[in-house]
Every structure is written in structure tokens, then in C-alpha cells.
Amino acid sequence: MQSDKRTASIRALAGLLCEVPARDDFLFWHIINTRGYLRSAQNVMIVEPYSDGSTMRRLAHGIDHLTRTDGDDVVRDDLCVLLSELFHSADVALASFLNRYMRGRGHVKWRSADVWLRDLDVVLDSMAEREDIRELRRGWLVSDDLPVQPGIELRVASPVG
């Protein structure tokens, strides 16, 4: 059973995510994911509908668990980590992009990026797992994007016998 605080944080996060474009706005999520807002608008290009789609799959999977009463807290925590990576509140260029994009797309209820990013930080902090647990997971979980250390060759072992 979840605590009332955790349930309130989940609802708050869901509400914040309702304020930004959904998965059908590939341009928005591509720009956020690739930090395209740091480049001029003429230099932002999507080659495929959404790169390899891994960020979209992670977002969709996390939001699925966020919105289910029986959602997995580990998946929800991973969503929080992903959102922390995508939305850096101290990034002035991101705030400027969010305001321009949201207003340009006719989101009349958009408050401001500064407010939205601050609220997101508060919610993510309230849902954050302990730092020592997060560090342990980072050290032990295998990831496809981890670089191989120089001088180490990885081989698939052949079966014995």
C-alpha cells in the first residue's frame, strides 16, 4: 500500500505531464531528448519519427505505471530519473524553448516554464528514492549504453562439453 504522500506525488506528476504535449508530438519530445533547443530552429531535424524510440518507450512505460493503481514503483522511479535528465530546471535555454513552444502551439493554459520546471523539481524530489540505493543500482545494473573500458574485450563464452 502506498503512502498518502507518495499517492499525492504521483497525482501531482501526472498533472504536470498533462500540461506538456503527449507522445503524438514527436517534434517536442525529439527536441527535448536531443537538447535541440540549444540549436537554431533551422538546425532541428527529425530523420525518423523519433530516433530509435527508446526515450519514448521509456516515457510510455513509465507513464503507464504512473497512471495505474497497481503500477510498479521501480518503473515510476525510473520515469522520475528520465524526467530529471530531460528537464533541467536551471537550463535557461530549456525554459525559453518551453515557453515559445507551448504558446506557439496554442496552449493557452500554459503557466510558464519557470513555474512548471520548479513544480516538476518539487514533485520529483518528493518521489526520489534514497541516493545510496540509486548509486547501488547504477553500479550494478547492466546498460547497453555503458562504455566498455579500454583494454577489456567482451566475448560470448562457448558452452562447455
C-alpha atoms as a PDB file:
ATOM      1  CA  MET A   1       0.000   0.000   0.000  1.00  0.00           C
ATOM      2  CA  GLN A   2       1.344   3.400  -0.947  1.00  0.00           C
ATOM      3  CA  SER A   3       1.641   6.233   1.483  1.00  0.00           C
ATOM      4  CA  ASP A   4      -0.657   9.219   1.102  1.00  0.00           C
ATOM      5  CA  LYS A   5       2.407  11.357   0.348  1.00  0.00           C
ATOM      6  CA  ARG A   6       3.518   9.038  -2.476  1.00  0.00           C
ATOM      7  CA  THR A   7      -0.020   8.942  -3.908  1.00  0.00           C
ATOM      8  CA  ALA A   8      -0.217  12.749  -3.824  1.00  0.00           C
ATOM      9  CA  SER A   9       3.172  12.987  -5.568  1.00  0.00           C
ATOM     10  CA  ILE A  10       2.061  10.540  -8.267  1.00  0.00           C
ATOM     11  CA  ARG A  11      -1.086  12.594  -8.894  1.00  0.00           C
ATOM     12  CA  ALA A  12       0.926  15.813  -8.994  1.00  0.00           C
ATOM     13  CA  LEU A  13       3.390  14.336 -11.502  1.00  0.00           C
ATOM     14  CA  ALA A  14       0.553  13.060 -13.687  1.00  0.00           C
ATOM     15  CA  GLY A  15      -0.998  16.527 -13.626  1.00  0.00           C
ATOM     16  CA  LEU A  16       2.276  18.150 -14.684  1.00  0.00           C
ATOM     17  CA  LEU A  17       2.712  15.690 -17.532  1.00  0.00           C
ATOM     18  CA  CYS A  18      -0.807  16.527 -18.729  1.00  0.00           C
ATOM     19  CA  GLU A  19       0.411  20.106 -19.246  1.00  0.00           C
ATOM     20  CA  VAL A  20       3.022  19.188 -21.875  1.00  0.00           C
ATOM     21  CA  PRO A  21       2.461  17.550 -25.268  1.00  0.00           C
ATOM     22  CA  ALA A  22       1.656  13.852 -25.428  1.00  0.00           C
ATOM     23  CA  ARG A  23       3.512  11.160 -27.345  1.00  0.00           C
ATOM     24  CA  ASP A  24       1.962  12.184 -30.658  1.00  0.00           C
ATOM     25  CA  ASP A  25       4.028  15.391 -30.687  1.00  0.00           C
ATOM     26  CA  PHE A  26       7.242  13.808 -31.911  1.00  0.00           C
ATOM     27  CA  LEU A  27       8.891  17.177 -32.595  1.00  0.00           C
ATOM     28  CA  PHE A  28       8.502  18.333 -28.984  1.00  0.00           C
ATOM     29  CA  TRP A  29       9.944  15.155 -27.484  1.00  0.00           C
ATOM     30  CA  HIS A  30      12.716  14.946 -30.086  1.00  0.00           C
ATOM     31  CA  ILE A  31      13.816  18.497 -29.278  1.00  0.00           C
ATOM     32  CA  ILE A  32      13.684  17.818 -25.530  1.00  0.00           C
ATOM     33  CA  ASN A  33      15.536  14.499 -25.824  1.00  0.00           C
ATOM     34  CA  THR A  34      18.299  15.780 -28.131  1.00  0.00           C
ATOM     35  CA  ARG A  35      18.608  19.186 -26.461  1.00  0.00           C
ATOM     36  CA  GLY A  36      17.617  20.613 -29.841  1.00  0.00           C
ATOM     37  CA  TYR A  37      16.566  23.828 -28.113  1.00  0.00           C
ATOM     38  CA  LEU A  38      20.273  24.661 -27.870  1.00  0.00           C
ATOM     39  CA  ARG A  39      20.447  24.890 -31.668  1.00  0.00           C
ATOM     40  CA  SER A  40      18.667  27.233 -34.029  1.00  0.00           C
ATOM     41  CA  ALA A  41      15.244  26.132 -35.261  1.00  0.00           C
ATOM     42  CA  GLN A  42      16.656  25.654 -38.768  1.00  0.00           C
ATOM     43  CA  ASN A  43      19.061  23.022 -37.458  1.00  0.00           C
ATOM     44  CA  VAL A  44      16.442  20.832 -35.751  1.00  0.00           C
ATOM     45  CA  MET A  45      15.568  17.894 -37.952  1.00  0.00           C
ATOM     46  CA  ILE A  46      13.936  14.562 -37.322  1.00  0.00           C
ATOM     47  CA  VAL A  47      15.282  11.852 -39.582  1.00  0.00           C
ATOM     48  CA  GLU A  48      12.808   9.210 -38.388  1.00  0.00           C
ATOM     49  CA  PRO A  49       9.581   9.657 -36.451  1.00  0.00           C
ATOM     50  CA  TYR A  50      11.572   9.547 -33.220  1.00  0.00           C
ATOM     51  CA  SER A  51      15.174   8.486 -33.417  1.00  0.00           C
ATOM     52  CA  ASP A  52      15.276   4.902 -32.143  1.00  0.00           C
ATOM     53  CA  GLY A  53      12.265   5.497 -29.917  1.00  0.00           C
ATOM     54  CA  SER A  54      13.928   4.344 -26.702  1.00  0.00           C
ATOM     55  CA  THR A  55      13.123   7.531 -24.792  1.00  0.00           C
ATOM     56  CA  MET A  56       9.522   7.432 -25.982  1.00  0.00           C
ATOM     57  CA  ARG A  57       9.229   3.790 -24.949  1.00  0.00           C
ATOM     58  CA  ARG A  58      10.663   4.611 -21.509  1.00  0.00           C
ATOM     59  CA  LEU A  59       8.263   7.546 -21.138  1.00  0.00           C
ATOM     60  CA  ALA A  60       5.264   5.492 -22.263  1.00  0.00           C
ATOM     61  CA  HIS A  61       6.195   2.591 -19.978  1.00  0.00           C
ATOM     62  CA  GLY A  62       6.731   4.918 -17.018  1.00  0.00           C
ATOM     63  CA  ILE A  63       3.521   6.844 -17.597  1.00  0.00           C
ATOM     64  CA  ASP A  64       1.634   3.564 -17.922  1.00  0.00           C
ATOM     65  CA  HIS A  65       2.822   2.562 -14.445  1.00  0.00           C
ATOM     66  CA  LEU A  66       2.355   6.081 -13.095  1.00  0.00           C
ATOM     67  CA  THR A  67      -1.325   6.054 -14.052  1.00  0.00           C
ATOM     68  CA  ARG A  68      -2.149   2.540 -12.819  1.00  0.00           C
ATOM     69  CA  THR A  69      -3.111   1.907  -9.222  1.00  0.00           C
ATOM     70  CA  ASP A  70      -1.040  -1.289  -9.330  1.00  0.00           C
ATOM     71  CA  GLY A  71       1.880   0.395 -11.103  1.00  0.00           C
ATOM     72  CA  ASP A  72       5.383  -0.711 -10.251  1.00  0.00           C
ATOM     73  CA  ASP A  73       7.246   1.795  -8.059  1.00  0.00           C
ATOM     74  CA  VAL A  74      10.597   0.863  -9.631  1.00  0.00           C
ATOM     75  CA  VAL A  75       9.245   1.804 -13.079  1.00  0.00           C
ATOM     76  CA  ARG A  76       7.835   5.016 -11.616  1.00  0.00           C
ATOM     77  CA  ASP A  77      11.219   5.827 -10.089  1.00  0.00           C
ATOM     78  CA  ASP A  78      12.891   5.199 -13.440  1.00  0.00           C
ATOM     79  CA  LEU A  79      10.399   7.632 -15.011  1.00  0.00           C
ATOM     80  CA  CYS A  80      11.422  10.234 -12.441  1.00  0.00           C
ATOM     81  CA  VAL A  81      15.092   9.737 -13.288  1.00  0.00           C
ATOM     82  CA  LEU A  82      14.327  10.093 -17.009  1.00  0.00           C
ATOM     83  CA  LEU A  83      12.296  13.269 -16.446  1.00  0.00           C
ATOM     84  CA  SER A  84      15.141  14.666 -14.343  1.00  0.00           C
ATOM     85  CA  GLU A  85      17.514  14.012 -17.221  1.00  0.00           C
ATOM     86  CA  LEU A  86      15.208  15.558 -19.823  1.00  0.00           C
ATOM     87  CA  PHE A  87      14.110  18.655 -17.912  1.00  0.00           C
ATOM     88  CA  HIS A  88      16.909  20.564 -16.205  1.00  0.00           C
ATOM     89  CA  SER A  89      15.223  23.430 -14.380  1.00  0.00           C
ATOM     90  CA  ALA A  90      18.391  25.520 -14.274  1.00  0.00           C
ATOM     91  CA  ASP A  91      18.632  25.454 -18.067  1.00  0.00           C
ATOM     92  CA  VAL A  92      17.601  28.902 -19.312  1.00  0.00           C
ATOM     93  CA  ALA A  93      17.505  27.704 -22.931  1.00  0.00           C
ATOM     94  CA  LEU A  94      15.072  24.926 -21.983  1.00  0.00           C
ATOM     95  CA  ALA A  95      12.753  27.344 -20.180  1.00  0.00           C
ATOM     96  CA  SER A  96      12.814  29.709 -23.139  1.00  0.00           C
ATOM     97  CA  PHE A  97      12.073  26.858 -25.554  1.00  0.00           C
ATOM     98  CA  LEU A  98       9.192  25.539 -23.436  1.00  0.00           C
ATOM     99  CA  ASN A  99       7.538  28.954 -23.269  1.00  0.00           C
ATOM    100  CA  ARG A 100       7.905  29.581 -27.008  1.00  0.00           C
ATOM    101  CA  TYR A 101       6.799  26.089 -27.996  1.00  0.00           C
ATOM    102  CA  MET A 102       3.801  25.869 -25.695  1.00  0.00           C
ATOM    103  CA  ARG A 103       2.492  29.313 -26.550  1.00  0.00           C
ATOM    104  CA  GLY A 104       3.235  28.802 -30.237  1.00  0.00           C
ATOM    105  CA  ARG A 105       1.166  25.614 -30.205  1.00  0.00           C
ATOM    106  CA  GLY A 106      -1.773  27.399 -28.625  1.00  0.00           C
ATOM    107  CA  HIS A 107      -1.530  26.034 -25.086  1.00  0.00           C
ATOM    108  CA  VAL A 108      -3.401  28.942 -23.544  1.00  0.00           C
ATOM    109  CA  LYS A 109      -3.350  27.414 -20.055  1.00  0.00           C
ATOM    110  CA  TRP A 110       0.459  27.202 -20.033  1.00  0.00           C
ATOM    111  CA  ARG A 111       1.623  28.977 -16.864  1.00  0.00           C
ATOM    112  CA  SER A 112       5.307  29.456 -17.541  1.00  0.00           C
ATOM    113  CA  ALA A 113       8.298  27.193 -17.914  1.00  0.00           C
ATOM    114  CA  ASP A 114       9.879  28.519 -14.735  1.00  0.00           C
ATOM    115  CA  VAL A 115       6.811  27.583 -12.697  1.00  0.00           C
ATOM    116  CA  TRP A 116       6.339  24.219 -14.438  1.00  0.00           C
ATOM    117  CA  LEU A 117      10.002  23.247 -14.067  1.00  0.00           C
ATOM    118  CA  ARG A 118      10.050  24.303 -10.401  1.00  0.00           C
ATOM    119  CA  ASP A 119       6.898  22.275  -9.715  1.00  0.00           C
ATOM    120  CA  LEU A 120       8.408  19.309 -11.541  1.00  0.00           C
ATOM    121  CA  ASP A 121      11.561  19.532  -9.406  1.00  0.00           C
ATOM    122  CA  VAL A 122       9.492  19.598  -6.209  1.00  0.00           C
ATOM    123  CA  VAL A 123       7.465  16.555  -7.262  1.00  0.00           C
ATOM    124  CA  LEU A 124      10.494  14.605  -8.459  1.00  0.00           C
ATOM    125  CA  ASP A 125      12.310  15.379  -5.208  1.00  0.00           C
ATOM    126  CA  SER A 126       9.329  14.138  -3.222  1.00  0.00           C
ATOM    127  CA  MET A 127       9.342  10.873  -5.185  1.00  0.00           C
ATOM    128  CA  ALA A 128      13.122  10.363  -5.256  1.00  0.00           C
ATOM    129  CA  GLU A 129      14.479   7.184  -3.881  1.00  0.00           C
ATOM    130  CA  ARG A 130      17.398   7.300  -1.467  1.00  0.00           C
ATOM    131  CA  GLU A 131      20.682   8.347  -3.083  1.00  0.00           C
ATOM    132  CA  ASP A 132      22.607   5.344  -1.736  1.00  0.00           C
ATOM    133  CA  ILE A 133      20.091   2.961  -3.336  1.00  0.00           C
ATOM    134  CA  ARG A 134      20.250   4.881  -6.628  1.00  0.00           C
ATOM    135  CA  GLU A 135      24.082   4.667  -6.618  1.00  0.00           C
ATOM    136  CA  LEU A 136      23.965   0.941  -5.894  1.00  0.00           C
ATOM    137  CA  ARG A 137      21.605   0.378  -8.821  1.00  0.00           C
ATOM    138  CA  ARG A 138      23.770   2.470 -11.157  1.00  0.00           C
ATOM    139  CA  GLY A 139      26.782   0.385 -10.190  1.00  0.00           C
ATOM    140  CA  TRP A 140      25.150  -2.987 -10.727  1.00  0.00           C
ATOM    141  CA  LEU A 141      22.510  -2.696 -13.405  1.00  0.00           C
ATOM    142  CA  VAL A 142      23.733  -3.558 -16.875  1.00  0.00           C
ATOM    143  CA  SER A 143      23.046  -0.957 -19.517  1.00  0.00           C
ATOM    144  CA  ASP A 144      23.564  -1.175 -23.275  1.00  0.00           C
ATOM    145  CA  ASP A 145      24.943   2.346 -23.333  1.00  0.00           C
ATOM    146  CA  LEU A 146      27.735   1.749 -20.822  1.00  0.00           C
ATOM    147  CA  PRO A 147      31.132   2.188 -22.441  1.00  0.00           C
ATOM    148  CA  VAL A 148      33.458  -0.775 -22.412  1.00  0.00           C
ATOM    149  CA  GLN A 149      36.670   0.001 -20.563  1.00  0.00           C
ATOM    150  CA  PRO A 150      39.732   0.238 -22.815  1.00  0.00           C
ATOM    151  CA  GLY A 151      41.699  -2.990 -22.946  1.00  0.00           C
ATOM    152  CA  ILE A 152      38.716  -5.161 -21.968  1.00  0.00           C
ATOM    153  CA  GLU A 153      37.402  -7.481 -24.624  1.00  0.00           C
ATOM    154  CA  LEU A 154      33.956  -8.961 -24.177  1.00  0.00           C
ATOM    155  CA  ARG A 155      33.321 -12.411 -25.653  1.00  0.00           C
ATOM    156  CA  VAL A 156      30.428 -14.786 -25.514  1.00  0.00           C
ATOM    157  CA  ALA A 157      31.533 -17.972 -23.780  1.00  0.00           C
ATOM    158  CA  SER A 158      31.066 -21.166 -25.707  1.00  0.00           C
ATOM    159  CA  PRO A 159      29.198 -23.944 -23.927  1.00  0.00           C
ATOM    160  CA  VAL A 160      31.344 -26.463 -22.084  1.00  0.00           C
ATOM    161  CA  GLY A 161      31.014 -30.105 -23.002  1.00  0.00           C
END
